[in-house]
Amino acid sequence: MTENLDSYKVRIAALQENGELTADTVSLLTEMLDEMAEMNRSNKALRRAILKGQSTSMSTRLRDALYE
């Protein structure tokens, strides 16, 4: 995903150099890219948290029931 963000930044810079974007448009696109980067970071953190939460060990109730 960071590759896409970098690609978008390069494309926006190229359009800005050519004068095809207004200052307001550049501001909006930059803000959107920043939000996309934050969402990407948050998404990765959530995925890590979910993977940590999914343990392969049995619950204590199940383990106790099996040992009886």
C-alpha atoms as a PDB file:
ATOM      1  CA  MET A   1       0.000   0.000   0.000  1.00  0.00           C
ATOM      2  CA  THR A   2       2.849   2.373   0.701  1.00  0.00           C
ATOM      3  CA  GLU A   3       3.976   1.841  -2.877  1.00  0.00           C
ATOM      4  CA  ASN A   4       0.600   3.132  -4.040  1.00  0.00           C
ATOM      5  CA  LEU A   5       0.844   6.147  -1.730  1.00  0.00           C
ATOM      6  CA  ASP A   6       4.303   6.960  -3.046  1.00  0.00           C
ATOM      7  CA  SER A   7       3.047   6.580  -6.597  1.00  0.00           C
ATOM      8  CA  TYR A   8       0.136   8.923  -5.889  1.00  0.00           C
ATOM      9  CA  LYS A   9       2.475  11.504  -4.381  1.00  0.00           C
ATOM     10  CA  VAL A  10       4.712  11.387  -7.450  1.00  0.00           C
ATOM     11  CA  ARG A  11       1.745  11.732  -9.794  1.00  0.00           C
ATOM     12  CA  ILE A  12       0.338  14.657  -7.811  1.00  0.00           C
ATOM     13  CA  ALA A  13       3.739  16.376  -7.842  1.00  0.00           C
ATOM     14  CA  ALA A  14       3.980  15.901 -11.612  1.00  0.00           C
ATOM     15  CA  LEU A  15       0.516  17.359 -12.166  1.00  0.00           C
ATOM     16  CA  GLN A  16       1.344  20.256  -9.872  1.00  0.00           C
ATOM     17  CA  GLU A  17       4.570  21.005 -11.758  1.00  0.00           C
ATOM     18  CA  ASN A  18       2.629  21.085 -15.014  1.00  0.00           C
ATOM     19  CA  GLY A  19       0.213  23.560 -13.497  1.00  0.00           C
ATOM     20  CA  GLU A  20      -2.745  21.245 -13.937  1.00  0.00           C
ATOM     21  CA  LEU A  21      -3.808  21.437 -10.285  1.00  0.00           C
ATOM     22  CA  THR A  22      -4.982  24.395  -8.256  1.00  0.00           C
ATOM     23  CA  ALA A  23      -3.628  25.061  -4.773  1.00  0.00           C
ATOM     24  CA  ASP A  24      -6.947  23.965  -3.256  1.00  0.00           C
ATOM     25  CA  THR A  25      -6.845  20.700  -5.182  1.00  0.00           C
ATOM     26  CA  VAL A  26      -3.285  19.987  -4.089  1.00  0.00           C
ATOM     27  CA  SER A  27      -4.241  20.720  -0.490  1.00  0.00           C
ATOM     28  CA  LEU A  28      -7.218  18.377  -0.699  1.00  0.00           C
ATOM     29  CA  LEU A  29      -5.231  15.583  -2.331  1.00  0.00           C
ATOM     30  CA  THR A  30      -2.442  15.925   0.230  1.00  0.00           C
ATOM     31  CA  GLU A  31      -4.941  15.736   3.062  1.00  0.00           C
ATOM     32  CA  MET A  32      -6.530  12.655   1.516  1.00  0.00           C
ATOM     33  CA  LEU A  33      -3.134  10.968   1.122  1.00  0.00           C
ATOM     34  CA  ASP A  34      -2.301  11.694   4.747  1.00  0.00           C
ATOM     35  CA  GLU A  35      -5.596  10.120   5.828  1.00  0.00           C
ATOM     36  CA  MET A  36      -4.936   7.098   3.609  1.00  0.00           C
ATOM     37  CA  ALA A  37      -1.517   6.654   5.203  1.00  0.00           C
ATOM     38  CA  GLU A  38      -3.037   6.867   8.690  1.00  0.00           C
ATOM     39  CA  MET A  39      -5.757   4.354   7.774  1.00  0.00           C
ATOM     40  CA  ASN A  40      -3.129   2.031   6.349  1.00  0.00           C
ATOM     41  CA  ARG A  41      -1.117   2.258   9.574  1.00  0.00           C
ATOM     42  CA  SER A  42      -4.234   1.688  11.662  1.00  0.00           C
ATOM     43  CA  ASN A  43      -5.279  -1.266   9.513  1.00  0.00           C
ATOM     44  CA  LYS A  44      -1.888  -2.928   9.983  1.00  0.00           C
ATOM     45  CA  ALA A  45      -2.056  -2.396  13.743  1.00  0.00           C
ATOM     46  CA  LEU A  46      -5.550  -3.885  13.887  1.00  0.00           C
ATOM     47  CA  ARG A  47      -4.478  -6.894  11.858  1.00  0.00           C
ATOM     48  CA  ARG A  48      -1.559  -7.493  14.213  1.00  0.00           C
ATOM     49  CA  ALA A  49      -3.881  -7.225  17.215  1.00  0.00           C
ATOM     50  CA  ILE A  50      -6.323  -9.702  15.695  1.00  0.00           C
ATOM     51  CA  LEU A  51      -3.547 -12.160  14.925  1.00  0.00           C
ATOM     52  CA  LYS A  52      -2.234 -11.887  18.479  1.00  0.00           C
ATOM     53  CA  GLY A  53      -5.733 -12.493  19.815  1.00  0.00           C
ATOM     54  CA  GLN A  54      -6.141 -15.654  17.801  1.00  0.00           C
ATOM     55  CA  SER A  55      -4.174 -18.084  19.872  1.00  0.00           C
ATOM     56  CA  THR A  56      -3.996 -21.726  18.986  1.00  0.00           C
ATOM     57  CA  SER A  57      -4.220 -22.791  22.611  1.00  0.00           C
ATOM     58  CA  MET A  58      -7.379 -24.268  24.033  1.00  0.00           C
ATOM     59  CA  SER A  59      -9.561 -22.374  26.412  1.00  0.00           C
ATOM     60  CA  THR A  60      -9.113 -23.320  30.055  1.00  0.00           C
ATOM     61  CA  ARG A  61     -12.641 -24.735  30.238  1.00  0.00           C
ATOM     62  CA  LEU A  62     -12.044 -27.016  27.276  1.00  0.00           C
ATOM     63  CA  ARG A  63      -8.648 -28.083  28.556  1.00  0.00           C
ATOM     64  CA  ASP A  64     -10.065 -28.855  32.014  1.00  0.00           C
ATOM     65  CA  ALA A  65     -12.933 -30.831  30.499  1.00  0.00           C
ATOM     66  CA  LEU A  66     -10.539 -32.901  28.393  1.00  0.00           C
ATOM     67  CA  TYR A  67      -8.311 -33.686  31.372  1.00  0.00           C
ATOM     68  CA  GLU A  68     -11.236 -34.979  33.479  1.00  0.00           C
END
